[in-house]
Structure formats: C-alpha cells, structure tokens
N, C-alpha and C. Protein backbone atom coordinates (compact mmCIF):
# COMPACT_ATOMS: atom_id res chain seq x y z
N UNK A 1 15.24 59.96 -91.76
CA UNK A 1 13.81 60.17 -91.86
C UNK A 1 13.30 59.41 -93.08
N UNK A 2 12.19 58.71 -92.90
CA UNK A 2 11.64 57.91 -93.99
C UNK A 2 10.82 58.77 -94.94
N UNK A 3 10.55 58.21 -96.10
CA UNK A 3 9.74 58.90 -97.10
C UNK A 3 8.34 59.20 -96.56
N UNK A 4 7.78 58.25 -95.79
CA UNK A 4 6.45 58.46 -95.20
C UNK A 4 6.45 59.63 -94.23
N UNK A 5 7.51 59.74 -93.44
CA UNK A 5 7.59 60.83 -92.47
C UNK A 5 7.66 62.19 -93.16
N UNK A 6 8.44 62.30 -94.24
CA UNK A 6 8.52 63.57 -94.95
C UNK A 6 7.22 63.88 -95.69
N UNK A 7 6.48 62.85 -96.09
CA UNK A 7 5.18 63.09 -96.74
C UNK A 7 4.20 63.77 -95.80
N UNK A 8 4.35 63.55 -94.51
CA UNK A 8 3.46 64.15 -93.52
C UNK A 8 3.93 65.52 -93.06
N UNK A 9 5.03 66.00 -93.59
CA UNK A 9 5.57 67.29 -93.18
C UNK A 9 5.11 68.38 -94.14
N UNK A 10 5.12 69.60 -93.65
CA UNK A 10 4.70 70.75 -94.43
C UNK A 10 5.81 71.79 -94.36
N UNK A 11 6.19 72.34 -95.50
CA UNK A 11 7.30 73.30 -95.49
C UNK A 11 6.97 74.55 -94.70
N UNK A 12 5.71 74.92 -94.64
CA UNK A 12 5.33 76.15 -93.94
C UNK A 12 5.21 75.96 -92.43
N UNK A 13 5.17 74.71 -91.98
CA UNK A 13 5.13 74.43 -90.55
C UNK A 13 6.45 73.87 -90.04
N UNK A 14 7.13 73.08 -90.86
CA UNK A 14 8.29 72.33 -90.40
C UNK A 14 9.64 72.84 -90.91
N UNK A 15 9.64 73.87 -91.73
CA UNK A 15 10.89 74.40 -92.27
C UNK A 15 11.73 75.12 -91.23
N UNK A 16 13.05 74.97 -91.34
CA UNK A 16 13.96 75.69 -90.44
C UNK A 16 13.83 77.19 -90.63
N UNK A 17 13.43 77.63 -91.80
CA UNK A 17 13.26 79.06 -92.06
C UNK A 17 12.20 79.66 -91.15
N UNK A 18 11.17 78.88 -90.85
CA UNK A 18 10.09 79.35 -89.99
C UNK A 18 10.62 79.58 -88.57
N UNK A 19 11.40 78.62 -88.08
CA UNK A 19 11.94 78.70 -86.73
C UNK A 19 13.09 79.70 -86.60
N UNK A 20 13.70 80.07 -87.71
CA UNK A 20 14.88 80.94 -87.66
C UNK A 20 14.55 82.36 -87.22
N UNK A 21 13.33 82.81 -87.51
CA UNK A 21 12.97 84.18 -87.19
C UNK A 21 13.68 85.20 -88.08
N UNK A 22 14.29 84.72 -89.16
CA UNK A 22 15.05 85.60 -90.06
C UNK A 22 14.48 85.55 -91.47
N UNK A 23 13.19 85.72 -91.57
CA UNK A 23 12.49 85.58 -92.85
C UNK A 23 13.02 86.55 -93.91
N UNK A 24 13.49 87.71 -93.50
CA UNK A 24 13.99 88.69 -94.46
C UNK A 24 15.20 88.19 -95.23
N UNK A 25 15.99 87.29 -94.64
CA UNK A 25 17.16 86.75 -95.34
C UNK A 25 16.76 86.01 -96.61
N UNK A 26 15.62 85.35 -96.58
CA UNK A 26 15.19 84.50 -97.68
C UNK A 26 14.68 85.28 -98.88
N UNK A 27 14.49 86.58 -98.71
CA UNK A 27 14.01 87.42 -99.80
C UNK A 27 14.86 88.68 -99.95
N UNK A 28 16.11 88.58 -99.55
CA UNK A 28 17.04 89.70 -99.62
C UNK A 28 17.58 89.84 -101.03
N UNK A 29 18.20 90.99 -101.31
CA UNK A 29 18.92 91.14 -102.58
C UNK A 29 20.42 91.19 -102.33
N UNK A 30 20.85 90.94 -101.09
CA UNK A 30 22.27 90.97 -100.73
C UNK A 30 22.84 89.55 -100.75
N UNK A 31 23.91 89.33 -101.52
CA UNK A 31 24.48 87.98 -101.62
C UNK A 31 24.82 87.34 -100.27
N UNK A 32 25.36 88.10 -99.32
CA UNK A 32 25.73 87.54 -98.02
C UNK A 32 24.49 87.07 -97.25
N UNK A 33 23.41 87.80 -97.35
CA UNK A 33 22.18 87.40 -96.65
C UNK A 33 21.54 86.19 -97.32
N UNK A 34 21.61 86.12 -98.64
CA UNK A 34 21.09 84.94 -99.35
C UNK A 34 21.90 83.70 -98.97
N UNK A 35 23.22 83.87 -98.85
CA UNK A 35 24.08 82.76 -98.43
C UNK A 35 23.73 82.31 -97.01
N UNK A 36 23.42 83.25 -96.13
CA UNK A 36 23.01 82.91 -94.77
C UNK A 36 21.69 82.14 -94.78
N UNK A 37 20.78 82.53 -95.65
CA UNK A 37 19.51 81.80 -95.79
C UNK A 37 19.78 80.38 -96.28
N UNK A 38 20.68 80.23 -97.24
CA UNK A 38 21.01 78.90 -97.75
C UNK A 38 21.60 78.02 -96.65
N UNK A 39 22.40 78.60 -95.77
CA UNK A 39 22.96 77.84 -94.65
C UNK A 39 21.85 77.30 -93.76
N UNK A 40 20.84 78.11 -93.52
CA UNK A 40 19.70 77.66 -92.72
C UNK A 40 19.01 76.49 -93.40
N UNK A 41 18.89 76.55 -94.72
CA UNK A 41 18.22 75.49 -95.49
C UNK A 41 18.98 74.16 -95.44
N UNK A 42 20.28 74.20 -95.37
CA UNK A 42 21.07 72.98 -95.54
C UNK A 42 20.74 71.89 -94.52
N UNK A 43 20.37 72.23 -93.32
CA UNK A 43 20.04 71.21 -92.33
C UNK A 43 18.55 70.96 -92.19
N UNK A 44 17.77 71.47 -93.10
CA UNK A 44 16.32 71.41 -92.98
C UNK A 44 15.77 70.07 -93.48
N UNK A 45 14.86 69.50 -92.71
CA UNK A 45 14.26 68.21 -93.06
C UNK A 45 13.32 68.29 -94.26
N UNK A 46 12.81 69.48 -94.55
CA UNK A 46 11.86 69.62 -95.66
C UNK A 46 12.48 70.39 -96.84
N UNK A 47 13.80 70.41 -96.90
CA UNK A 47 14.49 71.16 -97.95
C UNK A 47 14.07 70.71 -99.35
N UNK A 48 14.04 69.42 -99.59
CA UNK A 48 13.69 68.91 -100.92
C UNK A 48 12.22 69.19 -101.23
N UNK A 49 11.35 69.03 -100.23
CA UNK A 49 9.93 69.37 -100.43
C UNK A 49 9.77 70.85 -100.77
N UNK A 50 10.56 71.68 -100.13
CA UNK A 50 10.51 73.12 -100.38
C UNK A 50 10.97 73.43 -101.81
N UNK A 51 12.05 72.80 -102.22
CA UNK A 51 12.54 72.99 -103.58
C UNK A 51 11.49 72.51 -104.58
N UNK A 52 10.88 71.38 -104.30
CA UNK A 52 9.83 70.86 -105.19
C UNK A 52 8.67 71.85 -105.30
N UNK A 53 8.28 72.44 -104.17
CA UNK A 53 7.21 73.44 -104.16
C UNK A 53 7.58 74.63 -105.05
N UNK A 54 8.82 75.09 -104.92
CA UNK A 54 9.27 76.23 -105.73
C UNK A 54 9.25 75.90 -107.22
N UNK A 55 9.67 74.70 -107.57
CA UNK A 55 9.66 74.30 -108.97
C UNK A 55 8.23 74.14 -109.48
N UNK A 56 7.38 73.51 -108.69
CA UNK A 56 5.99 73.30 -109.09
C UNK A 56 5.23 74.62 -109.26
N UNK A 57 5.54 75.58 -108.40
CA UNK A 57 4.82 76.87 -108.41
C UNK A 57 5.52 77.93 -109.27
N UNK A 58 6.63 77.56 -109.90
CA UNK A 58 7.40 78.51 -110.73
C UNK A 58 7.70 79.79 -109.94
N UNK A 59 8.27 79.61 -108.76
CA UNK A 59 8.61 80.72 -107.87
C UNK A 59 9.58 81.68 -108.57
N UNK A 60 9.36 82.95 -108.42
CA UNK A 60 10.18 83.97 -109.06
C UNK A 60 11.31 84.48 -108.18
N UNK A 61 11.14 84.42 -106.85
CA UNK A 61 12.02 85.16 -105.98
C UNK A 61 12.21 84.45 -104.65
N UNK A 62 13.43 84.48 -104.11
CA UNK A 62 13.69 83.98 -102.76
C UNK A 62 14.52 82.73 -102.74
N UNK A 63 14.87 82.32 -101.53
CA UNK A 63 15.62 81.08 -101.32
C UNK A 63 14.62 80.00 -100.94
N UNK A 64 14.59 78.96 -101.74
CA UNK A 64 13.67 77.85 -101.55
C UNK A 64 14.45 76.55 -101.65
N UNK A 65 14.44 75.76 -100.62
CA UNK A 65 15.17 74.48 -100.65
C UNK A 65 16.66 74.65 -100.83
N UNK A 66 17.20 75.78 -100.42
CA UNK A 66 18.62 76.02 -100.55
C UNK A 66 19.05 76.57 -101.90
N UNK A 67 18.10 76.82 -102.78
CA UNK A 67 18.40 77.36 -104.11
C UNK A 67 17.84 78.78 -104.19
N UNK A 68 18.61 79.67 -104.78
CA UNK A 68 18.18 81.06 -104.93
C UNK A 68 17.40 81.18 -106.23
N UNK A 69 16.17 81.68 -106.14
CA UNK A 69 15.38 81.99 -107.33
C UNK A 69 15.38 83.50 -107.49
N UNK A 70 15.87 83.95 -108.64
CA UNK A 70 16.03 85.37 -108.92
C UNK A 70 15.43 85.62 -110.30
N UNK A 71 14.39 86.41 -110.37
CA UNK A 71 13.68 86.66 -111.62
C UNK A 71 13.29 85.35 -112.32
N UNK A 72 12.90 84.38 -111.50
CA UNK A 72 12.43 83.10 -112.03
C UNK A 72 13.52 82.13 -112.43
N UNK A 73 14.78 82.51 -112.30
CA UNK A 73 15.89 81.63 -112.65
C UNK A 73 16.55 81.10 -111.38
N UNK A 74 16.92 79.82 -111.36
CA UNK A 74 17.56 79.25 -110.17
C UNK A 74 19.08 79.47 -110.18
N UNK A 75 19.62 79.76 -109.03
CA UNK A 75 21.05 79.97 -108.85
C UNK A 75 21.52 79.22 -107.61
N UNK A 76 22.74 78.69 -107.69
CA UNK A 76 23.35 78.07 -106.51
C UNK A 76 23.82 79.14 -105.54
N UNK A 77 24.23 80.26 -106.09
CA UNK A 77 24.71 81.36 -105.27
C UNK A 77 24.56 82.65 -106.05
N UNK A 78 24.51 83.73 -105.35
CA UNK A 78 24.41 85.05 -105.97
C UNK A 78 25.73 85.75 -105.71
N UNK A 79 26.38 86.14 -106.76
CA UNK A 79 27.68 86.78 -106.64
C UNK A 79 27.51 88.27 -106.43
N UNK A 80 28.36 88.82 -105.58
CA UNK A 80 28.35 90.25 -105.35
C UNK A 80 29.01 91.00 -106.49
N UNK A 81 29.12 92.28 -106.34
CA UNK A 81 29.75 93.11 -107.37
C UNK A 81 31.25 92.84 -107.45
N UNK A 82 31.81 93.14 -108.60
CA UNK A 82 33.26 93.01 -108.77
C UNK A 82 33.69 91.62 -109.17
N UNK A 83 34.97 91.46 -109.23
CA UNK A 83 35.58 90.20 -109.64
C UNK A 83 35.41 89.16 -108.53
N UNK A 84 35.11 87.91 -108.91
CA UNK A 84 34.96 86.88 -107.88
C UNK A 84 36.31 86.54 -107.25
N UNK A 85 36.28 86.06 -106.01
CA UNK A 85 37.51 85.63 -105.35
C UNK A 85 38.03 84.38 -106.05
N UNK A 86 39.27 84.05 -105.80
CA UNK A 86 39.86 82.85 -106.42
C UNK A 86 39.08 81.60 -106.04
N UNK A 87 38.66 81.54 -104.78
CA UNK A 87 37.92 80.36 -104.31
C UNK A 87 36.58 80.20 -105.02
N UNK A 88 35.97 81.31 -105.41
CA UNK A 88 34.65 81.26 -106.03
C UNK A 88 34.70 81.27 -107.56
N UNK A 89 35.85 81.53 -108.13
CA UNK A 89 35.95 81.72 -109.58
C UNK A 89 35.44 80.53 -110.38
N UNK A 90 35.65 79.31 -109.91
CA UNK A 90 35.25 78.13 -110.67
C UNK A 90 33.96 77.49 -110.19
N UNK A 91 33.33 78.07 -109.18
CA UNK A 91 32.06 77.53 -108.69
C UNK A 91 30.91 77.94 -109.61
N UNK A 92 29.99 77.03 -109.86
CA UNK A 92 28.86 77.39 -110.73
C UNK A 92 27.93 78.38 -110.06
N UNK A 93 27.37 79.27 -110.85
CA UNK A 93 26.38 80.22 -110.36
C UNK A 93 24.97 79.70 -110.62
N UNK A 94 24.68 79.46 -111.88
CA UNK A 94 23.32 79.08 -112.26
C UNK A 94 23.10 77.58 -112.12
N UNK A 95 21.91 77.25 -111.69
CA UNK A 95 21.45 75.86 -111.70
C UNK A 95 20.58 75.70 -112.93
N UNK A 96 20.40 74.47 -113.36
CA UNK A 96 19.46 74.24 -114.45
C UNK A 96 18.19 73.63 -113.86
N UNK A 97 17.07 73.93 -114.47
CA UNK A 97 15.81 73.37 -113.99
C UNK A 97 15.84 71.85 -114.08
N UNK A 98 16.49 71.31 -115.11
CA UNK A 98 16.54 69.86 -115.26
C UNK A 98 17.27 69.20 -114.10
N UNK A 99 18.43 69.74 -113.71
CA UNK A 99 19.16 69.12 -112.60
C UNK A 99 18.41 69.29 -111.28
N UNK A 100 17.69 70.37 -111.10
CA UNK A 100 16.91 70.54 -109.88
C UNK A 100 15.73 69.57 -109.85
N UNK A 101 15.06 69.38 -110.99
CA UNK A 101 13.98 68.41 -111.07
C UNK A 101 14.52 67.00 -110.81
N UNK A 102 15.71 66.70 -111.30
CA UNK A 102 16.34 65.41 -111.07
C UNK A 102 16.60 65.20 -109.59
N UNK A 103 17.07 66.22 -108.90
CA UNK A 103 17.32 66.16 -107.47
C UNK A 103 16.03 65.88 -106.72
N UNK A 104 14.96 66.53 -107.09
CA UNK A 104 13.67 66.33 -106.44
C UNK A 104 13.14 64.93 -106.70
N UNK A 105 13.26 64.46 -107.93
CA UNK A 105 12.76 63.12 -108.28
C UNK A 105 13.54 62.01 -107.59
N UNK A 106 14.85 62.20 -107.38
CA UNK A 106 15.67 61.14 -106.80
C UNK A 106 15.56 61.08 -105.28
N UNK A 107 14.96 62.08 -104.67
CA UNK A 107 14.85 62.09 -103.20
C UNK A 107 13.76 61.17 -102.71
C-alpha cells in the first residue's frame, strides 16, 4: 500500500478492530485479552496511523496500533501476575515514547 493510499484511510473506518466485533478486547485489563487485541492489530493497514493518533492525542488507555497504553504509558505487552515464563523473561515490557515516535516518523 502506498503512502497516498494510507493518507486516505481512517482508523475509525478502516481499522481491523472495527471489523473484529471484539471492541472490549482493546480496553480490557486482562493480559490475554490485550494480547488478542494486539494480534488483531498486527495485520491492520492503518496500524501506524492508529499509533500516531494515540501518540498525538496522549491516549491513556487501550490498545492502539498494536501498543498497549496503560495509565498513559506505552507497553509492548502486559504481564500477568506472578513470575514470568522463561520465554517471556527477557522480552521488554515498556516501550519508550521516543522509539514509538521514531516508528511513526519512519513509516
């Protein structure tokens, strides 16, 4: 998809989240449901536009562009209670606003 084509798209009309019918996943407090929302985002054509919208609007809550915003802070994933599994132990939790802005600018 070209840059011009994505410029004509709208996250509220063209997002996979809209078509999913699972809007509650995107604003859940359960890590598994947030991960399911992120999966929906990964194939979305307006994912970067959605992330840009969240950054521009200083979104406090929800999954936007595949990133979890929790109390205004961005996270790659939300960990459940208890000790993380071995597979997840070295994966980053928090994203930085700078790296997210860089991702949006480079798209």
